[in-house]
Amino acid sequence: MSRHPSYGKSSKGAKKRNVLKRFERIDVLKKLGRWKEGEDKKVTGLPKTPTMQ
């Protein structure tokens, strides 16, 4: 018995995300040289960053 095509492929969960988590954004800012250690620990107000693969 085969699977119905509406179930999709098994790699469906491996989509590229377009939103980064806070620690991922900080890592990107560090790579770009726009983050200083000891900088504000605010939850909001981080600058926008490009998504890296």
N, C-alpha and C. Protein backbone atom coordinates (compact mmCIF):
# COMPACT_ATOMS: atom_id res chain seq x y z
N MET A 1 0.84 -1.18 0.00
CA MET A 1 0.00 0.00 0.00
C MET A 1 0.90 1.25 0.00
N SER A 2 0.58 2.22 -0.81
CA SER A 2 1.40 3.42 -0.90
C SER A 2 0.73 4.57 -0.15
N ARG A 3 1.55 5.60 0.11
CA ARG A 3 1.04 6.79 0.81
C ARG A 3 0.33 7.71 -0.17
N HIS A 4 -0.68 8.37 0.33
CA HIS A 4 -1.41 9.33 -0.48
C HIS A 4 -0.52 10.56 -0.71
N PRO A 5 -0.54 11.16 -1.92
CA PRO A 5 0.34 12.31 -2.20
C PRO A 5 0.06 13.53 -1.32
N SER A 6 -1.10 13.62 -0.71
CA SER A 6 -1.40 14.79 0.12
C SER A 6 -0.60 14.79 1.41
N TYR A 7 0.02 13.66 1.77
CA TYR A 7 0.84 13.62 2.98
C TYR A 7 2.17 14.35 2.78
N GLY A 8 2.57 14.56 1.58
CA GLY A 8 3.78 15.32 1.29
C GLY A 8 5.04 14.50 1.49
N LYS A 9 6.16 15.16 1.31
CA LYS A 9 7.45 14.50 1.44
C LYS A 9 7.92 14.52 2.87
N SER A 10 8.85 13.66 3.19
CA SER A 10 9.34 13.56 4.56
C SER A 10 10.21 14.75 4.94
N SER A 11 10.76 15.47 3.98
CA SER A 11 11.62 16.62 4.28
C SER A 11 10.83 17.91 4.42
N LYS A 12 9.55 17.80 4.62
CA LYS A 12 8.69 18.98 4.71
C LYS A 12 9.04 19.85 5.92
N GLY A 13 9.49 19.22 7.01
CA GLY A 13 9.83 19.97 8.22
C GLY A 13 11.14 20.72 8.12
N ALA A 14 11.90 20.55 7.07
CA ALA A 14 13.21 21.17 6.92
C ALA A 14 13.14 22.45 6.08
N LYS A 15 12.05 23.18 6.17
CA LYS A 15 11.92 24.42 5.42
C LYS A 15 12.86 25.48 5.98
N LYS A 16 13.21 26.45 5.14
CA LYS A 16 14.04 27.56 5.58
C LYS A 16 13.15 28.52 6.38
N ARG A 17 13.61 28.84 7.58
CA ARG A 17 12.84 29.77 8.42
C ARG A 17 13.19 31.20 8.03
N ASN A 18 12.23 32.09 8.15
CA ASN A 18 12.49 33.49 7.83
C ASN A 18 12.51 34.36 9.08
N VAL A 19 12.42 33.74 10.25
CA VAL A 19 12.48 34.47 11.51
C VAL A 19 13.54 33.83 12.38
N LEU A 20 14.43 34.64 12.92
CA LEU A 20 15.49 34.13 13.78
C LEU A 20 15.11 34.30 15.24
N LYS A 21 15.62 33.40 16.07
CA LYS A 21 15.45 33.54 17.51
C LYS A 21 16.47 34.55 18.00
N ARG A 22 16.29 35.03 19.24
CA ARG A 22 17.14 36.09 19.77
C ARG A 22 18.62 35.70 19.74
N PHE A 23 18.96 34.50 20.21
CA PHE A 23 20.37 34.12 20.25
C PHE A 23 20.95 33.98 18.84
N GLU A 24 20.12 33.61 17.87
CA GLU A 24 20.59 33.53 16.49
C GLU A 24 20.86 34.92 15.93
N ARG A 25 19.99 35.88 16.27
CA ARG A 25 20.19 37.26 15.81
C ARG A 25 21.45 37.84 16.41
N ILE A 26 21.71 37.54 17.68
CA ILE A 26 22.92 38.06 18.32
C ILE A 26 24.16 37.45 17.66
N ASP A 27 24.11 36.16 17.32
CA ASP A 27 25.23 35.53 16.61
C ASP A 27 25.49 36.22 15.27
N VAL A 28 24.42 36.54 14.55
CA VAL A 28 24.58 37.21 13.26
C VAL A 28 25.16 38.61 13.46
N LEU A 29 24.68 39.32 14.48
CA LEU A 29 25.22 40.66 14.76
C LEU A 29 26.70 40.59 15.12
N LYS A 30 27.11 39.56 15.85
CA LYS A 30 28.52 39.40 16.20
C LYS A 30 29.35 39.16 14.95
N LYS A 31 28.86 38.33 14.03
CA LYS A 31 29.58 38.06 12.78
C LYS A 31 29.71 39.32 11.94
N LEU A 32 28.68 40.18 11.98
CA LEU A 32 28.72 41.41 11.21
C LEU A 32 29.49 42.52 11.92
N GLY A 33 29.87 42.29 13.19
CA GLY A 33 30.61 43.28 13.96
C GLY A 33 29.74 44.39 14.51
N ARG A 34 28.45 44.14 14.66
CA ARG A 34 27.52 45.16 15.15
C ARG A 34 27.04 44.89 16.57
N TRP A 35 27.69 43.93 17.28
CA TRP A 35 27.29 43.60 18.64
C TRP A 35 28.50 43.72 19.54
N LYS A 36 28.35 44.44 20.64
CA LYS A 36 29.43 44.59 21.61
C LYS A 36 29.06 43.81 22.86
N GLU A 37 30.03 43.10 23.43
CA GLU A 37 29.77 42.36 24.66
C GLU A 37 29.39 43.34 25.77
N GLY A 38 28.48 42.92 26.61
CA GLY A 38 28.02 43.78 27.69
C GLY A 38 27.00 44.80 27.23
N GLU A 39 26.57 44.71 25.99
CA GLU A 39 25.56 45.62 25.45
C GLU A 39 24.22 45.32 26.13
N ASP A 40 23.29 46.20 25.94
CA ASP A 40 21.97 46.07 26.55
C ASP A 40 21.42 44.66 26.43
N LYS A 41 20.81 44.19 27.47
CA LYS A 41 20.23 42.85 27.47
C LYS A 41 18.72 42.91 27.26
N LYS A 42 18.26 43.96 26.60
CA LYS A 42 16.82 44.12 26.36
C LYS A 42 16.31 43.02 25.44
N VAL A 43 15.06 42.65 25.65
CA VAL A 43 14.43 41.65 24.80
C VAL A 43 14.02 42.28 23.48
N THR A 44 13.55 43.50 23.52
CA THR A 44 13.11 44.17 22.31
C THR A 44 14.17 45.19 21.89
N GLY A 45 14.08 45.64 20.67
CA GLY A 45 14.95 46.71 20.21
C GLY A 45 16.21 46.24 19.52
N LEU A 46 16.34 44.95 19.23
CA LEU A 46 17.50 44.49 18.46
C LEU A 46 17.37 44.96 17.02
N PRO A 47 18.48 45.34 16.39
CA PRO A 47 18.39 45.75 15.00
C PRO A 47 18.04 44.57 14.09
N LYS A 48 17.47 44.88 12.94
CA LYS A 48 17.13 43.84 11.98
C LYS A 48 18.40 43.23 11.40
N THR A 49 18.32 41.93 11.11
CA THR A 49 19.47 41.22 10.56
C THR A 49 19.01 40.37 9.38
N PRO A 50 19.90 40.13 8.43
CA PRO A 50 19.55 39.22 7.35
C PRO A 50 19.57 37.79 7.86
N THR A 51 18.72 36.94 7.31
CA THR A 51 18.72 35.54 7.72
C THR A 51 19.88 34.84 7.03
N MET A 52 20.65 34.11 7.79
CA MET A 52 21.80 33.38 7.26
C MET A 52 21.43 31.90 7.21
N GLN A 53 21.95 31.22 6.20
CA GLN A 53 21.62 29.80 6.06
C GLN A 53 22.55 28.93 6.82
